[in-house]
Amino acid sequence: VQLQASGGGLVQAGGSLRLSCAASRDTFSRDAMGWFRQAPGKQRELVATINSGGSTNYGDAVKGRFTISRDNAKNMVYLQMNNLKPEDTAVYYCNTVFGFSIDAYWGRGTLVTVSS
């Protein structure tokens, strides 16, 4: 399993970013996928998930600001982040929900820095 996140960068508070994740996985269309983040000195946490049917779930900290989506034809997962806050600063990773549960399959994340 290879998971490559991209799209991070430096943005001012209130700004927006769109993260992308390319997944090399034959079962992608059937996998529940998610975005997760890890801030300095903190544990990795769930940001958002999307199942094979397109149902979504969000962490309380990002509800109403972030939107997860997927394109099964391209094996891609996206995270649209609006109204960013300094506390959103973290390295963002994509993974299968299963991989998150067993702490495995982590690929390279992408750094998001939000300045105040």
Protein backbone atom coordinates (compact mmCIF):
# COMPACT_ATOMS: atom_id res chain seq x y z
CA VAL A 1 0.00 0.00 0.00
CA GLN A 2 1.38 3.39 -0.98
CA LEU A 3 -0.29 6.59 0.13
CA GLN A 4 1.04 9.95 -0.99
CA ALA A 5 -0.41 13.14 0.45
CA SER A 6 0.21 16.52 -1.14
CA GLY A 7 -1.09 20.07 -1.21
CA GLY A 8 0.08 21.40 2.12
CA GLY A 9 1.70 24.74 2.65
CA LEU A 10 1.70 27.99 4.57
CA VAL A 11 -1.57 29.90 4.77
CA GLN A 12 -2.97 32.71 6.87
CA ALA A 13 -5.78 32.13 9.32
CA GLY A 14 -9.10 32.17 7.51
CA GLY A 15 -7.56 30.86 4.32
CA SER A 16 -8.13 27.62 2.43
CA LEU A 17 -6.12 24.67 1.18
CA ARG A 18 -6.99 21.51 -0.71
CA LEU A 19 -5.08 18.35 0.09
CA SER A 20 -4.85 15.40 -2.27
CA CYS A 21 -3.95 11.79 -1.64
CA ALA A 22 -2.97 9.23 -4.26
CA ALA A 23 -3.49 5.64 -3.19
CA SER A 24 -1.95 2.68 -4.96
CA ARG A 25 -4.33 0.01 -3.77
CA ASP A 26 -6.38 -2.45 -5.81
CA THR A 27 -9.20 -2.42 -3.28
CA PHE A 28 -9.38 1.37 -3.07
CA SER A 29 -12.99 1.66 -4.18
CA ARG A 30 -14.04 -0.62 -1.32
CA ASP A 31 -11.83 0.94 1.35
CA ALA A 32 -12.96 3.41 3.93
CA MET A 33 -10.42 6.21 3.67
CA GLY A 34 -9.51 9.03 5.96
CA TRP A 35 -7.42 12.06 6.67
CA PHE A 36 -5.51 12.24 9.91
CA ARG A 37 -3.17 14.82 11.39
CA GLN A 38 -0.40 15.07 13.92
CA ALA A 39 0.57 18.33 15.50
CA PRO A 40 3.95 18.78 17.22
CA GLY A 41 3.96 17.03 20.58
CA LYS A 42 0.52 15.54 20.07
CA GLN A 43 -0.87 12.18 19.07
CA ARG A 44 -2.18 11.57 15.59
CA GLU A 45 -5.90 12.28 15.40
CA LEU A 46 -8.76 11.63 13.02
CA VAL A 47 -9.78 14.55 10.82
CA ALA A 48 -12.32 13.03 8.46
CA THR A 49 -13.33 9.71 6.95
CA ILE A 50 -15.28 8.63 3.90
CA ASN A 51 -16.54 5.12 3.27
CA SER A 52 -16.97 3.27 -0.01
CA GLY A 53 -20.51 4.60 -0.34
CA GLY A 54 -19.48 8.19 0.17
CA SER A 55 -20.72 8.64 3.72
CA THR A 56 -18.53 11.01 5.68
CA ASN A 57 -17.55 11.60 9.27
CA TYR A 58 -15.62 14.51 10.77
CA GLY A 59 -13.73 15.26 13.92
CA ASP A 60 -15.41 17.86 16.09
CA ALA A 61 -12.60 20.35 15.57
CA VAL A 62 -13.13 20.54 11.80
CA LYS A 63 -16.88 20.07 11.37
CA GLY A 64 -18.35 22.71 9.11
CA ARG A 65 -14.93 23.79 7.82
CA PHE A 66 -13.42 20.73 6.14
CA THR A 67 -14.88 18.50 3.41
CA ILE A 68 -13.57 15.06 2.45
CA SER A 69 -14.26 13.56 -0.97
CA ARG A 70 -13.00 10.75 -3.15
CA ASP A 71 -12.63 9.86 -6.81
CA ASN A 72 -12.59 6.09 -7.14
CA ALA A 73 -11.74 6.22 -10.84
CA LYS A 74 -8.49 7.98 -9.99
CA ASN A 75 -7.77 6.32 -6.62
CA MET A 76 -7.72 9.78 -5.05
CA VAL A 77 -8.97 11.25 -1.78
CA TYR A 78 -9.25 14.98 -1.17
CA LEU A 79 -9.62 17.27 1.81
CA GLN A 80 -10.94 20.77 1.23
CA MET A 81 -10.01 22.91 4.22
CA ASN A 82 -11.70 26.28 4.67
CA ASN A 83 -11.52 28.90 7.40
CA LEU A 84 -8.23 27.48 8.60
CA LYS A 85 -7.11 28.22 12.14
CA PRO A 86 -3.63 28.19 13.71
CA GLU A 87 -4.63 25.09 15.67
CA ASP A 88 -5.03 23.25 12.35
CA THR A 89 -1.24 23.37 11.94
CA ALA A 90 -0.04 19.77 11.64
CA VAL A 91 1.30 17.14 9.29
CA TYR A 92 -1.67 15.67 7.45
CA TYR A 93 -1.76 12.04 6.36
CA CYS A 94 -4.19 9.94 4.41
CA ASN A 95 -4.74 6.29 5.16
CA THR A 96 -7.33 3.59 5.14
CA VAL A 97 -9.47 3.57 8.26
CA PHE A 98 -8.21 0.06 8.90
CA GLY A 99 -4.61 1.25 8.64
CA PHE A 100 -5.33 3.96 11.18
CA SER A 101 -6.83 1.40 13.55
CA ILE A 102 -3.72 -0.79 13.46
CA ASP A 103 -1.26 2.09 13.10
CA ALA A 104 0.11 0.83 9.80
CA TYR A 105 0.39 1.75 6.09
CA TRP A 106 1.34 5.36 6.83
CA GLY A 107 2.83 7.14 3.86
CA ARG A 108 4.40 10.54 3.59
CA GLY A 109 2.30 13.31 5.00
CA THR A 110 2.01 16.93 3.97
CA LEU A 111 2.67 19.86 6.30
CA VAL A 112 0.00 22.49 6.79
CA THR A 113 1.03 25.63 8.63
CA VAL A 114 -1.56 28.26 9.51
CA SER A 115 -0.27 31.61 10.66
CA SER A 116 -2.26 33.93 12.88
